[in-house]
Amino acid sequence: MSIKPHKGLSDLITVLDERNLKLDHNTEKTLKEINYFQLVNGIENLLLPIDKQINGGKKEFRTESISDFVAIYDFDKEMSSQLLHIISKFEMKLKTSLAHNFSKINCNGINNTMEYTNRNNYQDISQDQEYPFRQYTGDSVKYQYESIHYNFDDFKLFKANFLDKLIRDNDFIDKSFYRSSIYNPNNPSDVACFHDDNKVAVPLWVAIQTFDFGCLKRMTHYLKPNVLKLVLKDFGLNPTDRFIFLNTLDIIHQLRNACAHFSLLFRFKTSSNIGISRALIYRFNLTPSKWQHPATGLTLYDSLKILGYYEDITPLIKPIRKILYRNNRKFSSKYYDLNERLLTEMGHSQYKEWKKMIKNS
């Protein structure tokens, strides 16, 4: 494949016309609003007759139209929107659980308010030589938790300027509101302080609202067993499920990013950098695309199985049902079943299995 030069709208329309795609009077407007790479390149494998996808054949359409592309694109965006809303509820639950359980054990009393920035209240996992997903390939090591594992001391909560930066970068945190004349930290050298006024302290349940998913995940890795046990209980898990939970955070994190960055969700697969533990595979009956050690490549279907354990994903059934109904009414081809192709790309070819999986969440 070579680097392709830029084409203007009229050139792109000409290309589609030459490939026998049925265009309409909205085609130019559509290509102005939706990136050609996502709309056409990202979806065309669903809509090309099979003999036009193999042996280097020219990519020509038969009965397909631009409206078929737009329908699948709109379906994908609706799925992403619904899924991002569901993941946001999971993320808020994680923030609430971390803040509540960590504070209950480590931040009782006004003078302990900033103990969540004390590295002594966390587990330094850099000394754990049995930490999971260490994969040796020749002379190199591919290790998905490498930065979390080895950079314990670099965690942002442990930075001396953490509180200064937190207050400076977040207008909703009013330093005067979080000031108390009786605040006197028990171990002032171990916790972050506000250098303009050492009587200011911001509780974890406030600060945690500014943490991104990556920070939440890293904090969970560093929890001591007494706190982690309580967090796992909030999510219906046992203390022995530590690495199952951490692995689910990897997968949900990637799902979240796919939605937030407007990737095509129906093509979602977890990346080759994210190993899937055998315990997680057996717990949720997953089928990774690659079974090397560790296994990798979960489809949207399998990833939703995991998310559905923690959150209600039933809102997702509506957009799936809608696109299947639309295709049954408005799309016809003697060469392939579009709905079967779409569902297969998402991870399972049978709609009844999608309904069962989603309704059991």
Protein backbone atom coordinates (compact mmCIF):
# COMPACT_ATOMS: atom_id res chain seq x y z
CA MET A 1 0.00 0.00 0.00
CA SER A 2 1.31 3.45 -0.90
CA ILE A 3 0.63 6.85 0.66
CA LYS A 4 -2.51 8.24 -0.97
CA PRO A 5 -2.61 11.89 -2.07
CA HIS A 6 -5.33 14.24 -0.90
CA LYS A 7 -8.56 14.23 -2.89
CA GLY A 8 -11.19 16.96 -2.89
CA LEU A 9 -14.89 16.27 -2.39
CA SER A 10 -15.64 16.13 -6.11
CA ASP A 11 -12.79 13.66 -6.64
CA LEU A 12 -14.04 11.43 -3.81
CA ILE A 13 -17.55 11.47 -5.23
CA THR A 14 -16.16 10.52 -8.64
CA VAL A 15 -14.27 7.58 -7.09
CA LEU A 16 -17.44 6.29 -5.41
CA ASP A 17 -19.44 6.75 -8.61
CA GLU A 18 -16.82 4.81 -10.58
CA ARG A 19 -17.07 2.02 -8.03
CA ASN A 20 -20.83 1.80 -8.78
CA LEU A 21 -21.95 2.95 -5.33
CA LYS A 22 -25.44 4.42 -5.52
CA LEU A 23 -25.16 8.08 -4.53
CA ASP A 24 -27.87 10.60 -3.66
CA HIS A 25 -28.31 14.36 -3.55
CA ASN A 26 -26.96 14.43 0.04
CA THR A 27 -23.65 12.74 -0.80
CA GLU A 28 -21.58 15.94 -0.85
CA LYS A 29 -23.11 17.10 2.44
CA THR A 30 -22.46 13.66 3.95
CA LEU A 31 -18.78 13.72 2.98
CA LYS A 32 -18.43 17.21 4.44
CA GLU A 33 -19.82 16.05 7.77
CA ILE A 34 -18.30 12.57 8.08
CA ASN A 35 -14.65 11.72 7.54
CA TYR A 36 -14.27 9.67 4.33
CA PHE A 37 -11.72 7.39 6.00
CA GLN A 38 -14.23 6.37 8.67
CA LEU A 39 -17.35 6.36 6.54
CA VAL A 40 -16.07 4.54 3.46
CA ASN A 41 -12.74 2.90 4.27
CA GLY A 42 -13.89 1.89 7.74
CA ILE A 43 -17.19 0.33 6.65
CA GLU A 44 -16.68 -0.88 3.08
CA ASN A 45 -15.64 -4.44 4.01
CA LEU A 46 -19.16 -4.94 5.34
CA LEU A 47 -20.69 -3.78 2.08
CA LEU A 48 -18.44 -5.23 -0.62
CA PRO A 49 -19.57 -8.39 -2.41
CA ILE A 50 -17.19 -11.18 -1.41
CA ASP A 51 -15.72 -11.64 -4.91
CA LYS A 52 -14.69 -7.98 -4.87
CA GLN A 53 -12.68 -8.39 -1.65
CA ILE A 54 -10.38 -11.21 -2.74
CA ASN A 55 -7.62 -11.84 -5.27
CA GLY A 56 -6.87 -8.14 -5.54
CA GLY A 57 -10.16 -7.52 -7.35
CA LYS A 58 -11.35 -4.01 -7.98
CA LYS A 59 -13.53 -2.74 -5.16
CA GLU A 60 -16.87 -2.43 -6.90
CA PHE A 61 -20.34 -2.34 -5.42
CA ARG A 62 -23.49 -3.88 -6.84
CA THR A 63 -26.68 -2.94 -5.01
CA GLU A 64 -25.08 -0.94 -2.19
CA SER A 65 -25.76 2.78 -1.64
CA ILE A 66 -24.24 5.67 0.28
CA SER A 67 -27.28 5.51 2.57
CA ASP A 68 -26.21 2.00 3.66
CA PHE A 69 -22.87 3.41 4.76
CA VAL A 70 -24.54 6.29 6.61
CA ALA A 71 -26.99 3.93 8.35
CA ILE A 72 -24.16 1.76 9.72
CA TYR A 73 -22.16 4.84 10.71
CA ASP A 74 -25.15 6.34 12.54
CA PHE A 75 -25.77 3.02 14.28
CA ASP A 76 -22.15 2.92 15.39
CA LYS A 77 -22.28 6.45 16.80
CA GLU A 78 -25.53 5.68 18.65
CA MET A 79 -23.91 2.58 20.16
CA SER A 80 -20.86 4.63 21.17
CA SER A 81 -23.01 7.28 22.81
CA GLN A 82 -25.02 4.73 24.79
CA LEU A 83 -21.91 2.80 25.77
CA LEU A 84 -20.01 5.90 26.88
CA HIS A 85 -22.94 6.78 29.15
CA ILE A 86 -22.86 3.27 30.67
CA ILE A 87 -19.09 3.39 31.17
CA SER A 88 -19.38 6.82 32.78
CA LYS A 89 -21.65 5.24 35.42
CA PHE A 90 -19.06 2.52 36.02
CA GLU A 91 -16.33 5.16 36.26
CA MET A 92 -18.31 7.18 38.80
CA LYS A 93 -18.96 4.05 40.83
CA LEU A 94 -15.22 3.31 40.82
CA LYS A 95 -14.41 6.86 41.93
CA THR A 96 -16.98 6.66 44.71
CA SER A 97 -15.77 3.27 45.91
CA LEU A 98 -12.10 4.27 45.91
CA ALA A 99 -12.76 7.57 47.69
CA HIS A 100 -15.12 6.10 50.29
CA ASN A 101 -13.13 3.00 51.18
CA PHE A 102 -9.69 4.60 51.12
CA SER A 103 -10.89 7.52 53.24
CA LYS A 104 -12.65 5.24 55.72
CA ILE A 105 -9.37 3.53 56.51
CA ASN A 106 -6.75 6.23 55.95
CA CYS A 107 -8.37 9.67 56.03
CA ASN A 108 -10.45 9.69 59.22
CA GLY A 109 -10.26 13.03 60.99
CA ILE A 110 -9.48 16.45 59.62
CA ASN A 111 -5.72 16.12 60.14
CA ASN A 112 -5.69 12.99 57.96
CA THR A 113 -7.46 14.66 55.04
CA MET A 114 -4.42 14.50 52.73
CA GLU A 115 -3.32 10.98 53.67
CA TYR A 116 -4.37 9.82 50.20
CA THR A 117 -1.17 11.50 48.98
CA ASN A 118 1.00 9.55 51.45
CA ARG A 119 2.81 6.77 49.61
CA ASN A 120 3.05 4.83 52.88
CA ASN A 121 -0.69 4.17 52.65
CA TYR A 122 -0.22 2.28 49.37
CA GLN A 123 1.37 -0.97 48.34
CA ASP A 124 4.68 -0.60 46.49
CA ILE A 125 4.18 -3.29 43.84
CA SER A 126 7.55 -2.61 42.22
CA GLN A 127 9.02 -5.22 44.55
CA ASP A 128 6.53 -7.89 43.47
CA GLN A 129 8.42 -10.15 41.06
CA GLU A 130 5.30 -12.24 40.34
CA TYR A 131 3.19 -9.39 38.97
CA PRO A 132 1.15 -10.61 35.95
CA PHE A 133 1.57 -10.20 32.21
CA ARG A 134 5.34 -10.26 32.00
CA GLN A 135 5.94 -11.66 28.51
CA TYR A 136 9.40 -12.49 27.21
CA THR A 137 9.99 -12.33 23.47
CA GLY A 138 13.61 -13.10 22.66
CA ASP A 139 15.76 -10.52 24.38
CA SER A 140 12.92 -8.07 24.98
CA VAL A 141 10.14 -7.95 27.53
CA LYS A 142 6.59 -6.96 26.58
CA TYR A 143 4.86 -6.06 29.81
CA GLN A 144 1.49 -4.29 29.88
CA TYR A 145 1.80 -3.14 33.50
CA GLU A 146 5.41 -2.03 33.21
CA SER A 147 4.87 1.69 33.84
CA ILE A 148 2.46 1.01 36.71
CA HIS A 149 4.67 -1.68 38.22
CA TYR A 150 8.06 -0.01 38.11
CA ASN A 151 7.08 3.66 38.49
CA PHE A 152 5.37 3.55 41.86
CA ASP A 153 7.27 6.61 43.10
CA ASP A 154 6.15 8.64 40.08
CA PHE A 155 2.43 8.32 40.82
CA LYS A 156 0.97 11.80 40.57
CA LEU A 157 -0.58 11.72 44.05
CA PHE A 158 2.91 11.47 45.53
CA LYS A 159 4.22 14.63 43.84
CA ALA A 160 5.11 17.49 46.19
CA ASN A 161 3.13 19.95 44.03
CA PHE A 162 0.03 17.75 43.70
CA LEU A 163 -2.24 19.95 45.83
CA ASP A 164 -0.92 23.18 44.30
CA LYS A 165 -1.66 21.87 40.80
CA LEU A 166 -5.04 20.42 41.81
CA ILE A 167 -6.27 23.80 43.09
CA ARG A 168 -4.68 25.81 40.29
CA ASP A 169 -6.11 23.69 37.46
CA ASN A 170 -9.66 23.23 38.78
CA ASP A 171 -11.78 26.32 39.29
CA PHE A 172 -14.51 24.39 41.11
CA ILE A 173 -12.08 23.76 44.00
CA ASP A 174 -12.27 26.95 46.05
CA LYS A 175 -9.25 27.03 48.35
CA SER A 176 -11.09 29.23 50.86
CA PHE A 177 -13.82 26.58 51.18
CA TYR A 178 -11.25 23.88 52.02
CA ARG A 179 -9.36 25.93 54.56
CA SER A 180 -9.44 25.18 58.30
CA SER A 181 -7.43 26.93 60.98
CA ILE A 182 -7.25 23.67 62.97
CA TYR A 183 -5.83 21.61 60.09
CA ASN A 184 -2.48 20.26 61.24
CA PRO A 185 -1.39 17.11 59.34
CA ASN A 186 0.02 14.30 61.47
CA ASN A 187 2.89 13.64 59.04
CA PRO A 188 3.35 16.91 57.12
CA SER A 189 6.46 15.71 55.29
CA ASP A 190 4.60 12.65 53.94
CA VAL A 191 1.57 14.39 52.44
CA ALA A 192 1.03 17.03 49.78
CA CYS A 193 0.50 20.55 51.02
CA PHE A 194 -0.79 23.77 49.51
CA HIS A 195 2.30 25.94 49.56
CA ASP A 196 0.41 29.25 49.56
CA ASP A 197 -1.51 28.29 52.70
CA ASN A 198 -0.73 25.19 54.78
CA LYS A 199 -4.20 25.27 56.35
CA VAL A 200 -5.81 24.17 53.07
CA ALA A 201 -6.61 20.49 52.46
CA VAL A 202 -8.83 18.97 49.75
CA PRO A 203 -10.53 15.65 50.59
CA LEU A 204 -10.10 12.63 48.33
CA TRP A 205 -13.80 12.52 47.40
CA VAL A 206 -13.37 15.99 45.87
CA ALA A 207 -9.94 15.46 44.30
CA ILE A 208 -10.92 12.14 42.73
CA GLN A 209 -13.46 13.86 40.48
CA THR A 210 -10.46 15.22 38.52
CA PHE A 211 -8.78 11.82 38.04
CA ASP A 212 -8.90 10.28 34.59
CA PHE A 213 -9.50 6.56 34.08
CA GLY A 214 -5.79 5.81 33.85
CA CYS A 215 -5.17 7.41 37.24
CA LEU A 216 -8.07 5.48 38.81
CA LYS A 217 -6.68 2.25 37.39
CA ARG A 218 -3.21 2.98 38.71
CA MET A 219 -4.54 3.86 42.16
CA THR A 220 -6.40 0.54 42.25
CA HIS A 221 -3.16 -1.33 41.48
CA TYR A 222 -1.53 0.33 44.48
CA LEU A 223 -4.26 -0.28 47.06
CA LYS A 224 -3.31 -2.21 50.16
CA PRO A 225 -5.32 -5.41 50.76
CA ASN A 226 -7.51 -3.90 53.50
CA VAL A 227 -8.80 -1.19 51.14
CA LEU A 228 -8.86 -3.33 48.00
CA LYS A 229 -11.02 -5.91 49.75
CA LEU A 230 -13.72 -3.28 50.30
CA VAL A 231 -13.52 -1.97 46.73
CA LEU A 232 -13.81 -5.47 45.29
CA LYS A 233 -16.82 -6.14 47.49
CA ASP A 234 -18.52 -3.06 46.03
CA PHE A 235 -18.16 -4.67 42.60
CA GLY A 236 -19.38 -8.11 43.65
CA LEU A 237 -15.91 -9.66 43.80
CA ASN A 238 -13.76 -11.41 46.38
CA PRO A 239 -10.22 -10.52 47.56
CA THR A 240 -8.85 -13.35 45.39
CA ASP A 241 -10.30 -11.59 42.32
CA ARG A 242 -7.75 -8.77 42.43
CA PHE A 243 -6.17 -9.43 39.04
CA ILE A 244 -9.49 -10.27 37.41
CA PHE A 245 -10.73 -6.81 38.40
CA LEU A 246 -7.53 -5.06 37.31
CA ASN A 247 -7.75 -6.83 33.96
CA THR A 248 -11.38 -5.78 33.51
CA LEU A 249 -10.30 -2.18 34.09
CA ASP A 250 -7.86 -2.53 31.16
CA ILE A 251 -10.67 -3.66 28.87
CA ILE A 252 -13.24 -1.10 30.02
CA HIS A 253 -10.58 1.62 29.69
CA GLN A 254 -10.00 0.67 26.05
CA LEU A 255 -13.75 0.58 25.38
CA ARG A 256 -14.08 4.03 26.91
CA ASN A 257 -11.30 5.44 24.75
CA ALA A 258 -12.78 3.90 21.60
CA CYS A 259 -16.08 5.67 22.31
CA ALA A 260 -14.52 8.96 23.37
CA HIS A 261 -12.23 9.12 20.32
CA PHE A 262 -15.04 8.29 17.87
CA SER A 263 -13.49 5.04 16.66
CA LEU A 264 -15.76 2.64 14.79
CA LEU A 265 -17.14 0.60 17.65
CA PHE A 266 -18.38 -2.35 15.60
CA ARG A 267 -14.73 -3.05 14.70
CA PHE A 268 -13.54 -2.83 18.30
CA LYS A 269 -10.94 -5.28 19.52
CA THR A 270 -8.75 -4.94 22.57
CA SER A 271 -5.19 -4.19 21.48
CA SER A 272 -2.31 -6.64 21.32
CA ASN A 273 -0.76 -4.73 24.25
CA ILE A 274 -3.56 -5.83 26.57
CA GLY A 275 -3.23 -9.41 27.76
CA ILE A 276 -6.35 -11.26 28.88
CA SER A 277 -5.84 -13.46 31.92
CA ARG A 278 -6.93 -17.11 31.82
CA ALA A 279 -8.96 -16.52 34.96
CA LEU A 280 -10.93 -13.77 33.21
CA ILE A 281 -11.40 -15.92 30.10
CA TYR A 282 -12.84 -18.78 32.14
CA ARG A 283 -14.96 -16.51 34.35
CA PHE A 284 -16.77 -14.92 31.39
CA ASN A 285 -16.38 -17.65 28.75
CA LEU A 286 -14.40 -15.36 26.44
CA THR A 287 -12.98 -16.18 23.01
CA PRO A 288 -9.88 -14.04 22.33
CA SER A 289 -8.74 -13.86 18.72
CA LYS A 290 -5.19 -14.85 19.70
CA TRP A 291 -4.46 -17.49 22.30
CA GLN A 292 -0.75 -16.97 22.82
CA HIS A 293 0.47 -16.28 26.35
CA PRO A 294 -1.13 -14.01 27.28
CA ALA A 295 -4.24 -14.18 25.09
CA THR A 296 -5.25 -10.94 23.33
CA GLY A 297 -7.93 -9.47 21.08
CA LEU A 298 -11.40 -9.38 22.61
CA THR A 299 -14.27 -8.32 20.35
CA LEU A 300 -17.00 -5.89 21.31
CA TYR A 301 -19.26 -8.84 22.19
CA ASP A 302 -16.84 -10.30 24.74
CA SER A 303 -15.91 -6.88 26.11
CA LEU A 304 -19.59 -6.14 26.73
CA LYS A 305 -19.94 -9.43 28.59
CA ILE A 306 -17.42 -8.06 31.08
CA LEU A 307 -18.93 -4.58 31.35
CA GLY A 308 -22.37 -6.18 31.71
CA TYR A 309 -21.26 -7.90 34.91
CA TYR A 310 -20.87 -4.48 36.54
CA GLU A 311 -23.46 -2.32 34.76
CA ASP A 312 -26.83 -2.60 33.06
CA ILE A 313 -26.10 -2.66 29.32
CA THR A 314 -29.68 -3.29 28.17
CA PRO A 315 -29.90 0.17 26.48
CA LEU A 316 -27.58 -1.25 23.81
CA ILE A 317 -30.22 -3.63 22.50
CA LYS A 318 -32.27 -0.80 20.96
CA PRO A 319 -29.67 0.49 18.44
CA ILE A 320 -28.75 -3.10 17.49
CA ARG A 321 -32.38 -4.02 16.89
CA LYS A 322 -32.93 -0.80 14.93
CA ILE A 323 -30.04 -1.32 12.48
CA LEU A 324 -30.99 -4.96 11.88
CA TYR A 325 -34.59 -3.96 11.19
CA ARG A 326 -33.46 -1.17 8.88
CA ASN A 327 -31.18 -3.47 6.90
CA ASN A 328 -33.91 -6.09 6.57
CA ARG A 329 -36.24 -3.50 5.08
CA LYS A 330 -33.90 -1.38 2.97
CA PHE A 331 -30.93 -3.54 2.02
CA SER A 332 -30.92 -6.48 -0.34
CA SER A 333 -28.06 -8.51 -1.79
CA LYS A 334 -27.90 -12.02 -3.16
CA TYR A 335 -24.19 -12.14 -2.38
CA TYR A 336 -24.18 -11.82 1.41
CA ASP A 337 -26.23 -11.18 4.55
CA LEU A 338 -25.32 -7.70 5.78
CA ASN A 339 -26.71 -8.23 9.28
CA GLU A 340 -24.77 -11.43 9.72
CA ARG A 341 -21.60 -9.69 8.59
CA LEU A 342 -22.17 -6.80 10.99
CA LEU A 343 -22.90 -9.00 14.01
CA THR A 344 -19.96 -11.29 13.20
CA GLU A 345 -17.61 -8.31 13.04
CA MET A 346 -18.92 -7.25 16.45
CA GLY A 347 -18.16 -10.67 17.90
CA HIS A 348 -21.12 -13.02 17.44
CA SER A 349 -23.19 -13.74 14.31
CA GLN A 350 -26.46 -14.61 16.11
CA TYR A 351 -28.79 -11.83 17.22
CA LYS A 352 -30.47 -14.15 19.75
CA GLU A 353 -27.12 -14.55 21.52
CA TRP A 354 -26.69 -10.77 21.63
CA LYS A 355 -30.15 -10.41 23.19
CA LYS A 356 -29.41 -13.12 25.74
CA MET A 357 -26.02 -11.67 26.68
CA ILE A 358 -27.31 -8.10 27.00
CA LYS A 359 -30.48 -8.99 28.88
CA ASN A 360 -28.48 -11.09 31.36
CA SER A 361 -26.33 -8.10 32.30
